Every structure is written in structure tokens, then in C-alpha cells.
Amino acid sequence: MTYGRKSLVFALVLGLAACGENPGETSTDQDRTPASDETGSQADEIGQPADPDGEITIEGRIAKGVECPIIRTPDGDTYAIAMGEADFGPGDYVRMTGPLADMSFCQQGDDTIEPRRIESIEPPARDRDPARAGGIKLTEDYLTGAWVAKGVDADCDTPDFSVSQSPGALVMEADIDGHDPNAAIVLGDYPRLDLDEPMPDLPMESRGPDGVAILRPATDAAYDPIRIGSAEITGDGVVFVKCRG
């Protein structure tokens, strides 16, 4: 090797050493990725980007879809799932992380998630699992009538709210804090009291054979309790019983 070549090699070695790398080693993006924070962070919140690659983390219950399985989150969002060979199916409550697909043949959901990690987790108390609600589906006939908060002071002479059917809508009539006296009730897979924005929707569950629970919003965000009639919706919610007659 000539003196010129030796000088060039020596200069290159010094340059690599100054950059903190050993000769013959090549750093990768993976090497430079910061270690994850085991205590969690705002970026790990449900439905938020989990890392710079654009992955999100969501949780919810898997259900059968038209072309693909779907997952419904406690906030009421729906995603189609490019499930692949994952050993999960309808009814499972899971947390999954992955990117959103650029294109998808799935016909449902706000987006399609391509999960890279799926784990089974315990559903939160707010999860609206029909089995937990006694298996009774909320219908227009079930809800139509007058309701009063369950308890020793329950008085059907002064009900907390009443529900009536009108063309194209099921309507609650009540004294609702910060809201006009009428609010729509949405049925289907996730029954809820549909309050006007910016107020949050309030999930509803049957408490058979003649009860209904109105729950606090299905989110961990800060929540100012809402009063309906004499009942303040806090904690695990309030159970109302139907007045006869």
C-alpha cells in the first residue's frame, strides 16, 4: 500500500471515530430509535400515533363485518381490520397497534388498521357488552315511557325523564343541564343519548327486565357530570326504572 493510500485510510478511521462509530459497523434506524417509555406517554393514548411510523393503538371489541372483521372502540369509532392469521375473532376485547392502510377492500369503518401487535385485554367497566347488560337489547318499545332514578326516593309522579317515539327519531324529554329539554336517543350496537355538541354522548345499557342505565361518556377525558332530572350521571352511571301505566 502506498503512503497516499495509507493516509487516506487513516483519515477515514479518524473520521469514523469522531462520529462515535467503530470501523466496519453501520448504524441503522432501529439502532437510533429511542427506547420506549414503560410508563406510557401521550403518544400512547388510544387512537393516537404510537410512533413516528404512523402506527396507532386502539382498543375495543371485535365484531363480524361485511368483508373484514371490524373493531368498535369505547368512543364509538369503528375500524376495519386486515386481520391476517391472527388468532382473534368476534367478541374478543383486544388492544392492537399498527398503521392505517392506504387502500383497502373492506367496506366498513372510518379506516382499515393493519395490526402488527394484538393482545387480549380485560374490557373496561364502560364497555357495553350485551352479556354484561343482561342480554336485553334496547328497543323503541323498551324505552318508550316514563323513567325515574332507582332508589328509595323514586317517585313516578315526578319522573326524571320520558321517552317518546316521533317520525324518524326516539326522543328523551327531560330537564338536562346545559341542554334543551329534548335529546335524541340512538339505538343499534351502541345505544346512547345523543346530546348536542360540545356536550358528550352518554352511553345507555339495559338493566333488565325493566331498567336502563345511563353512563358517563366512554372516554377517560375530563368530564363535567351531567344532571338528568334529579340524577347526576357520574361514576358507573345511574340506573333508572320504568314507571308502570
C-alpha atoms as a PDB file:
ATOM      1  CA  MET A   1       0.000   0.000   0.000  1.00  0.00           C
ATOM      2  CA  THR A   2       1.383   3.424  -0.891  1.00  0.00           C
ATOM      3  CA  TYR A   3       1.833   6.266   1.548  1.00  0.00           C
ATOM      4  CA  GLY A   4      -1.062   8.173  -0.044  1.00  0.00           C
ATOM      5  CA  ARG A   5      -3.485   5.279   0.401  1.00  0.00           C
ATOM      6  CA  LYS A   6      -2.365   4.697   3.990  1.00  0.00           C
ATOM      7  CA  SER A   7      -3.016   8.352   4.760  1.00  0.00           C
ATOM      8  CA  LEU A   8      -6.486   8.168   3.216  1.00  0.00           C
ATOM      9  CA  VAL A   9      -7.439   5.066   5.242  1.00  0.00           C
ATOM     10  CA  PHE A  10      -6.107   6.620   8.431  1.00  0.00           C
ATOM     11  CA  ALA A  11      -8.136   9.769   7.812  1.00  0.00           C
ATOM     12  CA  LEU A  12     -11.294   7.740   7.274  1.00  0.00           C
ATOM     13  CA  VAL A  13     -10.737   5.817  10.535  1.00  0.00           C
ATOM     14  CA  LEU A  14     -10.272   9.048  12.439  1.00  0.00           C
ATOM     15  CA  GLY A  15     -13.440  10.440  10.874  1.00  0.00           C
ATOM     16  CA  LEU A  16     -15.493   7.438  11.936  1.00  0.00           C
ATOM     17  CA  ALA A  17     -14.081   7.560  15.454  1.00  0.00           C
ATOM     18  CA  ALA A  18     -15.020  11.217  15.736  1.00  0.00           C
ATOM     19  CA  CYS A  19     -18.614  10.304  14.874  1.00  0.00           C
ATOM     20  CA  GLY A  20     -18.715   7.731  17.685  1.00  0.00           C
ATOM     21  CA  GLU A  21     -18.765   4.679  15.395  1.00  0.00           C
ATOM     22  CA  ASN A  22     -16.408   1.778  15.055  1.00  0.00           C
ATOM     23  CA  PRO A  23     -14.952   0.905  11.660  1.00  0.00           C
ATOM     24  CA  GLY A  24     -16.871  -1.871   9.979  1.00  0.00           C
ATOM     25  CA  GLU A  25     -20.104  -1.108  11.902  1.00  0.00           C
ATOM     26  CA  THR A  26     -23.111   0.542  10.309  1.00  0.00           C
ATOM     27  CA  SER A  27     -25.801   2.250  12.329  1.00  0.00           C
ATOM     28  CA  THR A  28     -29.437   1.616  11.412  1.00  0.00           C
ATOM     29  CA  ASP A  29     -32.679   3.403  12.013  1.00  0.00           C
ATOM     30  CA  GLN A  30     -33.507   0.707  14.546  1.00  0.00           C
ATOM     31  CA  ASP A  31     -30.271   1.460  16.455  1.00  0.00           C
ATOM     32  CA  ARG A  32     -31.237   5.118  16.652  1.00  0.00           C
ATOM     33  CA  THR A  33     -34.829   4.539  17.767  1.00  0.00           C
ATOM     34  CA  PRO A  34     -35.291   5.752  21.354  1.00  0.00           C
ATOM     35  CA  ALA A  35     -36.266   3.118  23.887  1.00  0.00           C
ATOM     36  CA  SER A  36     -39.950   3.104  24.638  1.00  0.00           C
ATOM     37  CA  ASP A  37     -41.126   4.710  27.854  1.00  0.00           C
ATOM     38  CA  GLU A  38     -42.530   1.901  30.004  1.00  0.00           C
ATOM     39  CA  THR A  39     -44.659   4.361  31.936  1.00  0.00           C
ATOM     40  CA  GLY A  40     -46.501   5.386  28.764  1.00  0.00           C
ATOM     41  CA  SER A  41     -46.923   8.832  27.262  1.00  0.00           C
ATOM     42  CA  GLN A  42     -49.421  10.994  25.485  1.00  0.00           C
ATOM     43  CA  ALA A  43     -48.370   9.367  22.212  1.00  0.00           C
ATOM     44  CA  ASP A  44     -49.554   6.000  23.562  1.00  0.00           C
ATOM     45  CA  GLU A  45     -53.132   7.148  24.141  1.00  0.00           C
ATOM     46  CA  ILE A  46     -55.838   5.166  22.419  1.00  0.00           C
ATOM     47  CA  GLY A  47     -56.297   6.256  18.818  1.00  0.00           C
ATOM     48  CA  GLN A  48     -53.138   8.403  18.812  1.00  0.00           C
ATOM     49  CA  PRO A  49     -49.946   7.767  16.777  1.00  0.00           C
ATOM     50  CA  ALA A  50     -47.830   5.206  18.619  1.00  0.00           C
ATOM     51  CA  ASP A  51     -44.548   6.058  16.864  1.00  0.00           C
ATOM     52  CA  PRO A  52     -43.101   8.152  14.049  1.00  0.00           C
ATOM     53  CA  ASP A  53     -44.042   5.451  11.521  1.00  0.00           C
ATOM     54  CA  GLY A  54     -47.685   6.475  11.780  1.00  0.00           C
ATOM     55  CA  GLU A  55     -48.922   3.484  13.771  1.00  0.00           C
ATOM     56  CA  ILE A  56     -51.885   3.944  16.071  1.00  0.00           C
ATOM     57  CA  THR A  57     -53.022   1.981  19.093  1.00  0.00           C
ATOM     58  CA  ILE A  58     -56.717   1.294  19.631  1.00  0.00           C
ATOM     59  CA  GLU A  59     -58.746  -0.993  21.838  1.00  0.00           C
ATOM     60  CA  GLY A  60     -62.236  -2.364  21.543  1.00  0.00           C
ATOM     61  CA  ARG A  61     -64.388  -5.375  20.822  1.00  0.00           C
ATOM     62  CA  ILE A  62     -64.028  -7.267  17.550  1.00  0.00           C
ATOM     63  CA  ALA A  63     -67.206  -7.900  15.555  1.00  0.00           C
ATOM     64  CA  LYS A  64     -68.021  -9.556  12.256  1.00  0.00           C
ATOM     65  CA  GLY A  65     -68.014  -7.204   9.282  1.00  0.00           C
ATOM     66  CA  VAL A  66     -69.143  -7.330   5.662  1.00  0.00           C
ATOM     67  CA  GLU A  67     -65.762  -8.130   4.088  1.00  0.00           C
ATOM     68  CA  CYS A  68     -63.387  -7.842   7.064  1.00  0.00           C
ATOM     69  CA  PRO A  69     -63.673  -8.044  10.841  1.00  0.00           C
ATOM     70  CA  ILE A  70     -64.268  -4.696  12.492  1.00  0.00           C
ATOM     71  CA  ILE A  71     -63.366  -3.279  15.885  1.00  0.00           C
ATOM     72  CA  ARG A  72     -65.520  -0.797  17.789  1.00  0.00           C
ATOM     73  CA  THR A  73     -63.741   1.361  20.347  1.00  0.00           C
ATOM     74  CA  PRO A  74     -65.280   2.578  23.625  1.00  0.00           C
ATOM     75  CA  ASP A  75     -65.522   6.023  21.991  1.00  0.00           C
ATOM     76  CA  GLY A  76     -67.788   4.614  19.280  1.00  0.00           C
ATOM     77  CA  ASP A  77     -65.215   4.686  16.448  1.00  0.00           C
ATOM     78  CA  THR A  78     -65.183   1.784  14.011  1.00  0.00           C
ATOM     79  CA  TYR A  79     -62.174   0.404  12.148  1.00  0.00           C
ATOM     80  CA  ALA A  80     -61.980  -2.449   9.663  1.00  0.00           C
ATOM     81  CA  ILE A  81     -59.185  -4.925  10.452  1.00  0.00           C
ATOM     82  CA  ALA A  82     -56.813  -6.521   7.965  1.00  0.00           C
ATOM     83  CA  MET A  83     -56.608  -9.452  10.367  1.00  0.00           C
ATOM     84  CA  GLY A  84     -54.383 -11.904   8.513  1.00  0.00           C
ATOM     85  CA  GLU A  85     -53.722 -15.065  10.543  1.00  0.00           C
ATOM     86  CA  ALA A  86     -54.241 -13.524  13.994  1.00  0.00           C
ATOM     87  CA  ASP A  87     -55.992 -15.878  16.412  1.00  0.00           C
ATOM     88  CA  PHE A  88     -58.736 -13.459  17.458  1.00  0.00           C
ATOM     89  CA  GLY A  89     -62.333 -13.140  16.394  1.00  0.00           C
ATOM     90  CA  PRO A  90     -65.778 -11.646  17.033  1.00  0.00           C
ATOM     91  CA  GLY A  91     -66.473 -10.996  20.706  1.00  0.00           C
ATOM     92  CA  ASP A  92     -62.817 -10.659  21.751  1.00  0.00           C
ATOM     93  CA  TYR A  93     -61.843  -7.445  23.519  1.00  0.00           C
ATOM     94  CA  VAL A  94     -58.331  -6.509  22.395  1.00  0.00           C
ATOM     95  CA  ARG A  95     -55.722  -3.801  22.083  1.00  0.00           C
ATOM     96  CA  MET A  96     -53.981  -3.564  18.712  1.00  0.00           C
ATOM     97  CA  THR A  97     -51.226  -1.432  17.225  1.00  0.00           C
ATOM     98  CA  GLY A  98     -50.480  -0.917  13.556  1.00  0.00           C
ATOM     99  CA  PRO A  99     -50.584   1.509  10.643  1.00  0.00           C
ATOM    100  CA  LEU A 100     -53.688   2.532   8.742  1.00  0.00           C
ATOM    101  CA  ALA A 101     -53.942   1.023   5.274  1.00  0.00           C
ATOM    102  CA  ASP A 102     -53.537   3.323   2.286  1.00  0.00           C
ATOM    103  CA  MET A 103     -56.054   1.211   0.360  1.00  0.00           C
ATOM    104  CA  SER A 104     -58.500  -1.494   1.459  1.00  0.00           C
ATOM    105  CA  PHE A 105     -61.274  -3.644   0.031  1.00  0.00           C
ATOM    106  CA  CYS A 106     -63.050  -3.609   3.418  1.00  0.00           C
ATOM    107  CA  GLN A 107     -66.398  -1.857   3.178  1.00  0.00           C
ATOM    108  CA  GLN A 108     -66.823  -0.636   6.751  1.00  0.00           C
ATOM    109  CA  GLY A 109     -65.114   1.581   9.263  1.00  0.00           C
ATOM    110  CA  ASP A 110     -63.569   5.009   9.303  1.00  0.00           C
ATOM    111  CA  ASP A 111     -60.236   3.409   8.276  1.00  0.00           C
ATOM    112  CA  THR A 112     -58.637  -0.014   7.991  1.00  0.00           C
ATOM    113  CA  ILE A 113     -55.930  -0.889  10.502  1.00  0.00           C
ATOM    114  CA  GLU A 114     -53.197  -3.400   9.697  1.00  0.00           C
ATOM    115  CA  PRO A 115     -52.336  -4.729  13.173  1.00  0.00           C
ATOM    116  CA  ARG A 116     -48.741  -5.653  13.871  1.00  0.00           C
ATOM    117  CA  ARG A 117     -49.435  -6.390  17.525  1.00  0.00           C
ATOM    118  CA  ILE A 118     -52.668  -7.678  19.084  1.00  0.00           C
ATOM    119  CA  GLU A 119     -53.236  -8.612  22.699  1.00  0.00           C
ATOM    120  CA  SER A 120     -56.305  -9.690  24.619  1.00  0.00           C
ATOM    121  CA  ILE A 121     -57.115  -7.327  27.493  1.00  0.00           C
ATOM    122  CA  GLU A 122     -59.811  -7.010  30.114  1.00  0.00           C
ATOM    123  CA  PRO A 123     -62.649  -4.757  28.926  1.00  0.00           C
ATOM    124  CA  PRO A 124     -63.239  -1.595  30.942  1.00  0.00           C
ATOM    125  CA  ALA A 125     -66.354  -1.218  33.049  1.00  0.00           C
ATOM    126  CA  ARG A 126     -67.736   1.172  30.469  1.00  0.00           C
ATOM    127  CA  ASP A 127     -67.567  -1.467  27.732  1.00  0.00           C
ATOM    128  CA  ARG A 128     -71.074  -2.023  26.507  1.00  0.00           C
ATOM    129  CA  ASP A 129     -71.071  -5.799  26.248  1.00  0.00           C
ATOM    130  CA  PRO A 130     -74.641  -7.102  25.841  1.00  0.00           C
ATOM    131  CA  ALA A 131     -73.821 -10.016  28.159  1.00  0.00           C
ATOM    132  CA  ARG A 132     -72.909  -7.576  30.920  1.00  0.00           C
ATOM    133  CA  ALA A 133     -76.182  -5.768  30.373  1.00  0.00           C
ATOM    134  CA  GLY A 134     -78.177  -8.951  30.850  1.00  0.00           C
ATOM    135  CA  GLY A 135     -78.571  -9.719  27.150  1.00  0.00           C
ATOM    136  CA  ILE A 136     -81.603  -7.431  26.723  1.00  0.00           C
ATOM    137  CA  LYS A 137     -81.446  -5.234  23.656  1.00  0.00           C
ATOM    138  CA  LEU A 138     -82.657  -1.659  23.922  1.00  0.00           C
ATOM    139  CA  THR A 139     -85.520  -1.011  21.528  1.00  0.00           C
ATOM    140  CA  GLU A 140     -88.013   1.781  20.972  1.00  0.00           C
ATOM    141  CA  ASP A 141     -90.740  -0.175  22.750  1.00  0.00           C
ATOM    142  CA  TYR A 142     -88.450  -0.955  25.703  1.00  0.00           C
ATOM    143  CA  LEU A 143     -87.561   2.716  26.197  1.00  0.00           C
ATOM    144  CA  THR A 144     -90.863   4.397  25.429  1.00  0.00           C
ATOM    145  CA  GLY A 145     -92.479   5.659  28.630  1.00  0.00           C
ATOM    146  CA  ALA A 146     -91.616   7.477  31.858  1.00  0.00           C
ATOM    147  CA  TRP A 147     -88.497   6.695  33.894  1.00  0.00           C
ATOM    148  CA  VAL A 148     -87.307   7.519  37.398  1.00  0.00           C
ATOM    149  CA  ALA A 149     -83.907   7.063  39.079  1.00  0.00           C
ATOM    150  CA  LYS A 150     -83.859   3.821  41.043  1.00  0.00           C
ATOM    151  CA  GLY A 151     -83.849   4.227  44.817  1.00  0.00           C
ATOM    152  CA  VAL A 152     -85.955   4.621  47.943  1.00  0.00           C
ATOM    153  CA  ASP A 153     -86.964   8.131  46.833  1.00  0.00           C
ATOM    154  CA  ALA A 154     -88.158   7.049  43.390  1.00  0.00           C
ATOM    155  CA  ASP A 155     -91.456   8.729  42.581  1.00  0.00           C
ATOM    156  CA  CYS A 156     -93.215   8.091  39.299  1.00  0.00           C
ATOM    157  CA  ASP A 157     -95.431  11.105  39.914  1.00  0.00           C
ATOM    158  CA  THR A 158     -92.363  13.191  39.069  1.00  0.00           C
ATOM    159  CA  PRO A 159     -90.326  11.105  36.584  1.00  0.00           C
ATOM    160  CA  ASP A 160     -86.779  12.119  35.719  1.00  0.00           C
ATOM    161  CA  PHE A 161     -87.417  11.754  32.003  1.00  0.00           C
ATOM    162  CA  SER A 162     -89.823  10.343  29.476  1.00  0.00           C
ATOM    163  CA  VAL A 163     -89.175   8.804  26.080  1.00  0.00           C
ATOM    164  CA  SER A 164     -91.494   9.063  23.107  1.00  0.00           C
ATOM    165  CA  GLN A 165     -91.407   7.960  19.507  1.00  0.00           C
ATOM    166  CA  SER A 166     -91.560  10.541  16.755  1.00  0.00           C
ATOM    167  CA  PRO A 167     -91.138  10.108  12.983  1.00  0.00           C
ATOM    168  CA  GLY A 168     -87.545   9.082  12.393  1.00  0.00           C
ATOM    169  CA  ALA A 169     -86.391   9.575  15.979  1.00  0.00           C
ATOM    170  CA  LEU A 170     -86.637   8.410  19.557  1.00  0.00           C
ATOM    171  CA  VAL A 171     -86.726  11.452  21.839  1.00  0.00           C
ATOM    172  CA  MET A 172     -85.979  11.919  25.540  1.00  0.00           C
ATOM    173  CA  GLU A 173     -87.819  14.762  27.249  1.00  0.00           C
ATOM    174  CA  ALA A 174     -86.064  15.851  30.442  1.00  0.00           C
ATOM    175  CA  ASP A 175     -84.501  18.654  32.397  1.00  0.00           C
ATOM    176  CA  ILE A 176     -80.893  18.221  31.186  1.00  0.00           C
ATOM    177  CA  ASP A 177     -78.148  20.504  32.491  1.00  0.00           C
ATOM    178  CA  GLY A 178     -76.899  22.846  29.776  1.00  0.00           C
ATOM    179  CA  HIS A 179     -79.178  21.381  27.124  1.00  0.00           C
ATOM    180  CA  ASP A 180     -82.616  21.973  25.708  1.00  0.00           C
ATOM    181  CA  PRO A 181     -85.352  19.687  27.110  1.00  0.00           C
ATOM    182  CA  ASN A 182     -85.276  17.308  24.127  1.00  0.00           C
ATOM    183  CA  ALA A 183     -82.463  14.936  23.157  1.00  0.00           C
ATOM    184  CA  ALA A 184     -82.317  12.144  20.599  1.00  0.00           C
ATOM    185  CA  ILE A 185     -81.648   8.536  21.603  1.00  0.00           C
ATOM    186  CA  VAL A 186     -79.612   6.482  19.138  1.00  0.00           C
ATOM    187  CA  LEU A 187     -80.107   2.704  19.200  1.00  0.00           C
ATOM    188  CA  GLY A 188     -78.187  -0.049  17.385  1.00  0.00           C
ATOM    189  CA  ASP A 189     -74.939  -1.644  18.540  1.00  0.00           C
ATOM    190  CA  TYR A 190     -74.053   1.267  20.840  1.00  0.00           C
ATOM    191  CA  PRO A 191     -77.190   2.875  22.302  1.00  0.00           C
ATOM    192  CA  ARG A 192     -76.580   6.386  23.567  1.00  0.00           C
ATOM    193  CA  LEU A 193     -78.159   9.695  24.446  1.00  0.00           C
ATOM    194  CA  ASP A 194     -77.084  11.944  21.583  1.00  0.00           C
ATOM    195  CA  LEU A 195     -76.514  15.350  23.163  1.00  0.00           C
ATOM    196  CA  ASP A 196     -75.764  18.477  21.146  1.00  0.00           C
ATOM    197  CA  GLU A 197     -72.108  19.429  20.760  1.00  0.00           C
ATOM    198  CA  PRO A 198     -69.951  20.238  22.592  1.00  0.00           C
ATOM    199  CA  MET A 199     -71.638  18.031  25.200  1.00  0.00           C
ATOM    200  CA  PRO A 200     -70.573  14.369  25.080  1.00  0.00           C
ATOM    201  CA  ASP A 201     -72.882  11.490  24.217  1.00  0.00           C
ATOM    202  CA  LEU A 202     -73.953   9.319  27.163  1.00  0.00           C
ATOM    203  CA  PRO A 203     -73.954   5.528  26.616  1.00  0.00           C
ATOM    204  CA  MET A 204     -77.073   3.587  27.611  1.00  0.00           C
ATOM    205  CA  GLU A 205     -77.475  -0.054  28.681  1.00  0.00           C
ATOM    206  CA  SER A 206     -80.425  -2.186  29.602  1.00  0.00           C
ATOM    207  CA  ARG A 207     -80.734  -3.305  33.199  1.00  0.00           C
ATOM    208  CA  GLY A 208     -83.412  -5.876  32.711  1.00  0.00           C
ATOM    209  CA  PRO A 209     -86.127  -6.605  32.930  1.00  0.00           C
ATOM    210  CA  ASP A 210     -87.346  -3.030  33.397  1.00  0.00           C
ATOM    211  CA  GLY A 211     -84.284  -0.839  33.907  1.00  0.00           C
ATOM    212  CA  VAL A 212     -81.912   1.278  31.878  1.00  0.00           C
ATOM    213  CA  ALA A 213     -78.529   2.662  32.881  1.00  0.00           C
ATOM    214  CA  ILE A 214     -77.237   5.985  31.594  1.00  0.00           C
ATOM    215  CA  LEU A 215     -73.446   6.018  31.838  1.00  0.00           C
ATOM    216  CA  ARG A 216     -70.787   8.675  31.846  1.00  0.00           C
ATOM    217  CA  PRO A 217     -69.047   9.191  28.462  1.00  0.00           C
ATOM    218  CA  ALA A 218     -66.994   6.257  27.191  1.00  0.00           C
ATOM    219  CA  THR A 219     -63.698   8.116  27.468  1.00  0.00           C
ATOM    220  CA  ASP A 220     -61.022   8.809  30.042  1.00  0.00           C
ATOM    221  CA  ALA A 221     -61.054  12.511  29.233  1.00  0.00           C
ATOM    222  CA  ALA A 222     -62.121  15.061  31.829  1.00  0.00           C
ATOM    223  CA  TYR A 223     -65.883  15.065  32.251  1.00  0.00           C
ATOM    224  CA  ASP A 224     -68.226  17.542  33.918  1.00  0.00           C
ATOM    225  CA  PRO A 225     -71.116  15.491  35.365  1.00  0.00           C
ATOM    226  CA  ILE A 226     -74.447  16.000  33.612  1.00  0.00           C
ATOM    227  CA  ARG A 227     -77.690  16.056  35.570  1.00  0.00           C
ATOM    228  CA  ILE A 228     -80.819  14.485  34.062  1.00  0.00           C
ATOM    229  CA  GLY A 229     -83.858  15.252  36.155  1.00  0.00           C
ATOM    230  CA  SER A 230     -82.869  14.550  39.765  1.00  0.00           C
ATOM    231  CA  ALA A 231     -79.938  12.266  38.872  1.00  0.00           C
ATOM    232  CA  GLU A 232     -76.316  13.263  38.267  1.00  0.00           C
ATOM    233  CA  ILE A 233     -74.531  10.959  35.812  1.00  0.00           C
ATOM    234  CA  THR A 234     -71.212  10.112  37.490  1.00  0.00           C
ATOM    235  CA  GLY A 235     -69.070   7.067  38.235  1.00  0.00           C
ATOM    236  CA  ASP A 236     -70.593   3.924  36.743  1.00  0.00           C
ATOM    237  CA  GLY A 237     -73.741   5.847  35.825  1.00  0.00           C
ATOM    238  CA  VAL A 238     -77.309   5.863  37.112  1.00  0.00           C
ATOM    239  CA  VAL A 239     -79.931   3.135  36.794  1.00  0.00           C
ATOM    240  CA  PHE A 240     -83.489   4.249  36.017  1.00  0.00           C
ATOM    241  CA  VAL A 241     -86.614   2.092  36.315  1.00  0.00           C
ATOM    242  CA  LYS A 242     -89.661   2.317  34.121  1.00  0.00           C
ATOM    243  CA  CYS A 243     -92.876   3.633  35.584  1.00  0.00           C
ATOM    244  CA  ARG A 244     -95.914   1.474  35.011  1.00  0.00           C
ATOM    245  CA  GLY A 245     -99.038   2.757  33.367  1.00  0.00           C
END
